């Protein structure tokens, strides 16, 4: 039972991190930075990749 609760929490946190990373990626300052330098903010990548990892670990805990 405890692993299922942890899994659900990890999935919820992972989805929130993915959404936050996408918001950072689509922010006006980020778009301006990408237009001039081509660089994506590290916060966007950290949120998206970290969220995906949390979701995967959460799904594994549910099994």
PDB file of N, CA and C in Angstrom:
ATOM      1  N   UNK A   1       0.825  -1.192   0.000  1.00  0.00           N
ATOM      2  CA  UNK A   1       0.000   0.000   0.000  1.00  0.00           C
ATOM      3  C   UNK A   1       0.866   1.252   0.000  1.00  0.00           C
ATOM      4  N   UNK A   2       1.964   1.233   0.745  1.00  0.00           N
ATOM      5  CA  UNK A   2       2.831   2.394   0.847  1.00  0.00           C
ATOM      6  C   UNK A   2       3.495   2.716  -0.496  1.00  0.00           C
ATOM      7  N   UNK A   3       3.910   1.688  -1.255  1.00  0.00           N
ATOM      8  CA  UNK A   3       4.524   1.906  -2.562  1.00  0.00           C
ATOM      9  C   UNK A   3       3.544   2.529  -3.539  1.00  0.00           C
ATOM     10  N   UNK A   4       2.264   2.173  -3.444  1.00  0.00           N
ATOM     11  CA  UNK A   4       1.262   2.752  -4.348  1.00  0.00           C
ATOM     12  C   UNK A   4       1.076   4.235  -4.075  1.00  0.00           C
ATOM     13  N   UNK A   5       1.086   4.621  -2.813  1.00  0.00           N
ATOM     14  CA  UNK A   5       0.942   6.040  -2.472  1.00  0.00           C
ATOM     15  C   UNK A   5       2.152   6.813  -2.982  1.00  0.00           C
ATOM     16  N   UNK A   6       3.341   6.267  -2.775  1.00  0.00           N
ATOM     17  CA  UNK A   6       4.554   6.917  -3.268  1.00  0.00           C
ATOM     18  C   UNK A   6       4.517   7.014  -4.791  1.00  0.00           C
ATOM     19  N   UNK A   7       4.066   5.981  -5.452  1.00  0.00           N
ATOM     20  CA  UNK A   7       3.967   5.989  -6.911  1.00  0.00           C
ATOM     21  C   UNK A   7       3.027   7.057  -7.417  1.00  0.00           C
ATOM     22  N   UNK A   8       1.867   7.187  -6.777  1.00  0.00           N
ATOM     23  CA  UNK A   8       0.901   8.206  -7.187  1.00  0.00           C
ATOM     24  C   UNK A   8       1.466   9.601  -6.965  1.00  0.00           C
ATOM     25  N   UNK A   9       2.115   9.806  -5.830  1.00  0.00           N
ATOM     26  CA  UNK A   9       2.720  11.114  -5.536  1.00  0.00           C
ATOM     27  C   UNK A   9       3.801  11.443  -6.566  1.00  0.00           C
ATOM     28  N   UNK A  10       4.626  10.470  -6.920  1.00  0.00           N
ATOM     29  CA  UNK A  10       5.674  10.697  -7.917  1.00  0.00           C
ATOM     30  C   UNK A  10       5.087  11.036  -9.282  1.00  0.00           C
ATOM     31  N   UNK A  11       4.002  10.393  -9.648  1.00  0.00           N
ATOM     32  CA  UNK A  11       3.366  10.687 -10.926  1.00  0.00           C
ATOM     33  C   UNK A  11       2.820  12.108 -10.934  1.00  0.00           C
ATOM     34  N   UNK A  12       2.166  12.506  -9.849  1.00  0.00           N
ATOM     35  CA  UNK A  12       1.608  13.858  -9.769  1.00  0.00           C
ATOM     36  C   UNK A  12       2.725  14.901  -9.806  1.00  0.00           C
ATOM     37  N   UNK A  13       3.789  14.674  -9.050  1.00  0.00           N
ATOM     38  CA  UNK A  13       4.924  15.605  -9.048  1.00  0.00           C
ATOM     39  C   UNK A  13       5.580  15.645 -10.424  1.00  0.00           C
ATOM     40  N   UNK A  14       5.706  14.494 -11.052  1.00  0.00           N
ATOM     41  CA  UNK A  14       6.306  14.441 -12.383  1.00  0.00           C
ATOM     42  C   UNK A  14       5.507  15.214 -13.411  1.00  0.00           C
ATOM     43  N   UNK A  15       4.189  15.080 -13.368  1.00  0.00           N
ATOM     44  CA  UNK A  15       3.341  15.820 -14.301  1.00  0.00           C
ATOM     45  C   UNK A  15       3.453  17.321 -14.050  1.00  0.00           C
ATOM     46  N   UNK A  16       3.498  17.711 -12.779  1.00  0.00           N
ATOM     47  CA  UNK A  16       3.657  19.128 -12.446  1.00  0.00           C
ATOM     48  C   UNK A  16       5.004  19.658 -12.946  1.00  0.00           C
ATOM     49  N   UNK A  17       6.067  18.873 -12.802  1.00  0.00           N
ATOM     50  CA  UNK A  17       7.383  19.297 -13.295  1.00  0.00           C
ATOM     51  C   UNK A  17       7.411  19.424 -14.815  1.00  0.00           C
ATOM     52  N   UNK A  18       6.772  18.505 -15.494  1.00  0.00           N
ATOM     53  CA  UNK A  18       6.715  18.579 -16.958  1.00  0.00           C
ATOM     54  C   UNK A  18       5.973  19.839 -17.390  1.00  0.00           C
ATOM     55  N   UNK A  19       4.862  20.126 -16.733  1.00  0.00           N
ATOM     56  CA  UNK A  19       4.099  21.327 -17.072  1.00  0.00           C
ATOM     57  C   UNK A  19       4.918  22.586 -16.794  1.00  0.00           C
ATOM     58  N   UNK A  20       5.635  22.612 -15.665  1.00  0.00           N
ATOM     59  CA  UNK A  20       6.461  23.770 -15.334  1.00  0.00           C
ATOM     60  C   UNK A  20       7.583  23.940 -16.360  1.00  0.00           C
ATOM     61  N   UNK A  21       8.228  22.847 -16.728  1.00  0.00           N
ATOM     62  CA  UNK A  21       9.297  22.915 -17.720  1.00  0.00           C
ATOM     63  C   UNK A  21       8.798  23.409 -19.067  1.00  0.00           C
ATOM     64  N   UNK A  22       7.613  22.971 -19.460  1.00  0.00           N
ATOM     65  CA  UNK A  22       7.030  23.428 -20.722  1.00  0.00           C
ATOM     66  C   UNK A  22       6.693  24.912 -20.654  1.00  0.00           C
ATOM     67  N   UNK A  23       6.179  25.368 -19.500  1.00  0.00           N
ATOM     68  CA  UNK A  23       5.893  26.795 -19.333  1.00  0.00           C
ATOM     69  C   UNK A  23       7.158  27.630 -19.438  1.00  0.00           C
ATOM     70  N   UNK A  24       8.240  27.168 -18.838  1.00  0.00           N
ATOM     71  CA  UNK A  24       9.518  27.876 -18.938  1.00  0.00           C
ATOM     72  C   UNK A  24       9.992  27.886 -20.383  1.00  0.00           C
ATOM     73  N   UNK A  25       9.827  26.761 -21.070  1.00  0.00           N
ATOM     74  CA  UNK A  25      10.257  26.649 -22.457  1.00  0.00           C
ATOM     75  C   UNK A  25       9.496  27.612 -23.359  1.00  0.00           C
ATOM     76  N   UNK A  26       8.208  27.798 -23.105  1.00  0.00           N
ATOM     77  CA  UNK A  26       7.363  28.642 -23.937  1.00  0.00           C
ATOM     78  C   UNK A  26       7.286  30.092 -23.470  1.00  0.00           C
ATOM     79  N   UNK A  27       7.987  30.457 -22.412  1.00  0.00           N
ATOM     80  CA  UNK A  27       7.952  31.825 -21.904  1.00  0.00           C
ATOM     81  C   UNK A  27       8.543  32.786 -22.939  1.00  0.00           C
ATOM     82  N   UNK A  28       8.112  34.044 -22.874  1.00  0.00           N
ATOM     83  CA  UNK A  28       8.547  35.042 -23.851  1.00  0.00           C
ATOM     84  C   UNK A  28      10.066  35.240 -23.802  1.00  0.00           C
ATOM     85  N   UNK A  29      10.633  35.303 -22.614  1.00  0.00           N
ATOM     86  CA  UNK A  29      12.081  35.485 -22.494  1.00  0.00           C
ATOM     87  C   UNK A  29      12.830  34.299 -23.091  1.00  0.00           C
ATOM     88  N   UNK A  30      12.291  33.109 -22.901  1.00  0.00           N
ATOM     89  CA  UNK A  30      12.919  31.915 -23.448  1.00  0.00           C
ATOM     90  C   UNK A  30      12.837  31.914 -24.972  1.00  0.00           C
ATOM     91  N   UNK A  31      11.705  32.317 -25.516  1.00  0.00           N
ATOM     92  CA  UNK A  31      11.563  32.369 -26.966  1.00  0.00           C
ATOM     93  C   UNK A  31      12.508  33.400 -27.570  1.00  0.00           C
ATOM     94  N   UNK A  32      12.663  34.520 -26.896  1.00  0.00           N
ATOM     95  CA  UNK A  32      13.585  35.550 -27.361  1.00  0.00           C
ATOM     96  C   UNK A  32      15.026  35.051 -27.317  1.00  0.00           C
ATOM     97  N   UNK A  33      15.369  34.359 -26.243  1.00  0.00           N
ATOM     98  CA  UNK A  33      16.714  33.800 -26.112  1.00  0.00           C
ATOM     99  C   UNK A  33      16.982  32.762 -27.193  1.00  0.00           C
ATOM    100  N   UNK A  34      16.001  31.901 -27.461  1.00  0.00           N
ATOM    101  CA  UNK A  34      16.170  30.883 -28.506  1.00  0.00           C
ATOM    102  C   UNK A  34      16.290  31.526 -29.885  1.00  0.00           C
ATOM    103  N   UNK A  35      15.577  32.638 -30.104  1.00  0.00           N
ATOM    104  CA  UNK A  35      15.618  33.290 -31.406  1.00  0.00           C
ATOM    105  C   UNK A  35      17.000  33.872 -31.689  1.00  0.00           C
ATOM    106  N   UNK A  36      17.640  34.428 -30.671  1.00  0.00           N
ATOM    107  CA  UNK A  36      18.930  35.077 -30.887  1.00  0.00           C
ATOM    108  C   UNK A  36      20.124  34.149 -30.707  1.00  0.00           C
ATOM    109  N   UNK A  37      20.072  33.299 -29.702  1.00  0.00           N
ATOM    110  CA  UNK A  37      21.243  32.461 -29.437  1.00  0.00           C
ATOM    111  C   UNK A  37      21.021  30.980 -29.729  1.00  0.00           C
ATOM    112  N   UNK A  38      19.772  30.567 -29.798  1.00  0.00           N
ATOM    113  CA  UNK A  38      19.480  29.164 -30.049  1.00  0.00           C
ATOM    114  C   UNK A  38      19.528  28.284 -28.819  1.00  0.00           C
ATOM    115  N   UNK A  39      19.774  28.890 -27.661  1.00  0.00           N
ATOM    116  CA  UNK A  39      19.888  28.127 -26.420  1.00  0.00           C
ATOM    117  C   UNK A  39      18.539  28.009 -25.722  1.00  0.00           C
ATOM    118  N   UNK A  40      18.288  26.836 -25.198  1.00  0.00           N
ATOM    119  CA  UNK A  40      17.099  26.595 -24.385  1.00  0.00           C
ATOM    120  C   UNK A  40      17.513  26.670 -22.917  1.00  0.00           C
ATOM    121  N   UNK A  41      16.709  27.337 -22.078  1.00  0.00           N
ATOM    122  CA  UNK A  41      17.080  27.434 -20.658  1.00  0.00           C
ATOM    123  C   UNK A  41      17.201  26.060 -20.007  1.00  0.00           C
ATOM    124  N   UNK A  42      18.186  25.926 -19.139  1.00  0.00           N
ATOM    125  CA  UNK A  42      18.429  24.652 -18.454  1.00  0.00           C
ATOM    126  C   UNK A  42      17.253  24.304 -17.550  1.00  0.00           C
ATOM    127  N   UNK A  43      16.541  25.304 -17.052  1.00  0.00           N
ATOM    128  CA  UNK A  43      15.383  25.035 -16.196  1.00  0.00           C
ATOM    129  C   UNK A  43      14.299  24.277 -16.962  1.00  0.00           C
ATOM    130  N   UNK A  44      14.130  24.614 -18.235  1.00  0.00           N
ATOM    131  CA  UNK A  44      13.122  23.919 -19.049  1.00  0.00           C
ATOM    132  C   UNK A  44      13.493  22.447 -19.216  1.00  0.00           C
ATOM    133  N   UNK A  45      14.746  22.197 -19.557  1.00  0.00           N
ATOM    134  CA  UNK A  45      15.177  20.808 -19.727  1.00  0.00           C
ATOM    135  C   UNK A  45      15.116  20.041 -18.413  1.00  0.00           C
ATOM    136  N   UNK A  46      15.513  20.689 -17.324  1.00  0.00           N
ATOM    137  CA  UNK A  46      15.493  20.025 -16.023  1.00  0.00           C
ATOM    138  C   UNK A  46      14.069  19.657 -15.630  1.00  0.00           C
ATOM    139  N   UNK A  47      13.129  20.550 -15.867  1.00  0.00           N
ATOM    140  CA  UNK A  47      11.742  20.272 -15.519  1.00  0.00           C
ATOM    141  C   UNK A  47      11.151  19.144 -16.349  1.00  0.00           C
ATOM    142  N   UNK A  48      11.378  19.197 -17.640  1.00  0.00           N
ATOM    143  CA  UNK A  48      10.796  18.189 -18.536  1.00  0.00           C
ATOM    144  C   UNK A  48      11.424  16.816 -18.297  1.00  0.00           C
ATOM    145  N   UNK A  49      12.734  16.759 -18.237  1.00  0.00           N
ATOM    146  CA  UNK A  49      13.412  15.464 -18.052  1.00  0.00           C
ATOM    147  C   UNK A  49      13.195  14.936 -16.635  1.00  0.00           C
ATOM    148  N   UNK A  50      13.305  15.817 -15.641  1.00  0.00           N
ATOM    149  CA  UNK A  50      13.059  15.396 -14.255  1.00  0.00           C
ATOM    150  C   UNK A  50      11.637  14.908 -14.049  1.00  0.00           C
ATOM    151  N   UNK A  51      10.682  15.595 -14.666  1.00  0.00           N
ATOM    152  CA  UNK A  51       9.289  15.168 -14.573  1.00  0.00           C
ATOM    153  C   UNK A  51       9.055  13.816 -15.224  1.00  0.00           C
ATOM    154  N   UNK A  52       9.670  13.610 -16.374  1.00  0.00           N
ATOM    155  CA  UNK A  52       9.521  12.323 -17.059  1.00  0.00           C
ATOM    156  C   UNK A  52      10.109  11.185 -16.219  1.00  0.00           C
ATOM    157  N   UNK A  53      11.242  11.444 -15.591  1.00  0.00           N
ATOM    158  CA  UNK A  53      11.854  10.425 -14.735  1.00  0.00           C
ATOM    159  C   UNK A  53      10.953  10.122 -13.543  1.00  0.00           C
ATOM    160  N   UNK A  54      10.379  11.160 -12.927  1.00  0.00           N
ATOM    161  CA  UNK A  54       9.469  10.945 -11.792  1.00  0.00           C
ATOM    162  C   UNK A  54       8.251  10.129 -12.206  1.00  0.00           C
ATOM    163  N   UNK A  55       7.694  10.436 -13.371  1.00  0.00           N
ATOM    164  CA  UNK A  55       6.527   9.687 -13.849  1.00  0.00           C
ATOM    165  C   UNK A  55       6.899   8.228 -14.078  1.00  0.00           C
ATOM    166  N   UNK A  56       8.041   7.979 -14.692  1.00  0.00           N
ATOM    167  CA  UNK A  56       8.449   6.593 -14.946  1.00  0.00           C
ATOM    168  C   UNK A  56       8.679   5.819 -13.650  1.00  0.00           C
ATOM    169  N   UNK A  57       9.320   6.442 -12.688  1.00  0.00           N
ATOM    170  CA  UNK A  57       9.540   5.781 -11.399  1.00  0.00           C
ATOM    171  C   UNK A  57       8.201   5.548 -10.698  1.00  0.00           C
ATOM    172  N   UNK A  58       7.298   6.534 -10.780  1.00  0.00           N
ATOM    173  CA  UNK A  58       5.978   6.377 -10.173  1.00  0.00           C
ATOM    174  C   UNK A  58       5.190   5.231 -10.785  1.00  0.00           C
ATOM    175  N   UNK A  59       5.254   5.095 -12.103  1.00  0.00           N
ATOM    176  CA  UNK A  59       4.563   3.986 -12.765  1.00  0.00           C
ATOM    177  C   UNK A  59       5.162   2.658 -12.345  1.00  0.00           C
ATOM    178  N   UNK A  60       6.475   2.619 -12.209  1.00  0.00           N
ATOM    179  CA  UNK A  60       7.127   1.373 -11.778  1.00  0.00           C
ATOM    180  C   UNK A  60       6.713   1.011 -10.353  1.00  0.00           C
ATOM    181  N   UNK A  61       6.557   2.019  -9.484  1.00  0.00           N
ATOM    182  CA  UNK A  61       6.141   1.755  -8.097  1.00  0.00           C
ATOM    183  C   UNK A  61       4.704   1.233  -8.030  1.00  0.00           C
ATOM    184  N   UNK A  62       3.867   1.611  -8.972  1.00  0.00           N
ATOM    185  CA  UNK A  62       2.474   1.158  -8.960  1.00  0.00           C
ATOM    186  C   UNK A  62       2.333  -0.320  -9.328  1.00  0.00           C
ATOM    187  N   UNK A  63       3.292  -0.856 -10.039  1.00  0.00           N
ATOM    188  CA  UNK A  63       3.189  -2.259 -10.471  1.00  0.00           C
ATOM    189  C   UNK A  63       3.497  -3.202  -9.344  1.00  0.00           C
TER     190      UNK A  63
END
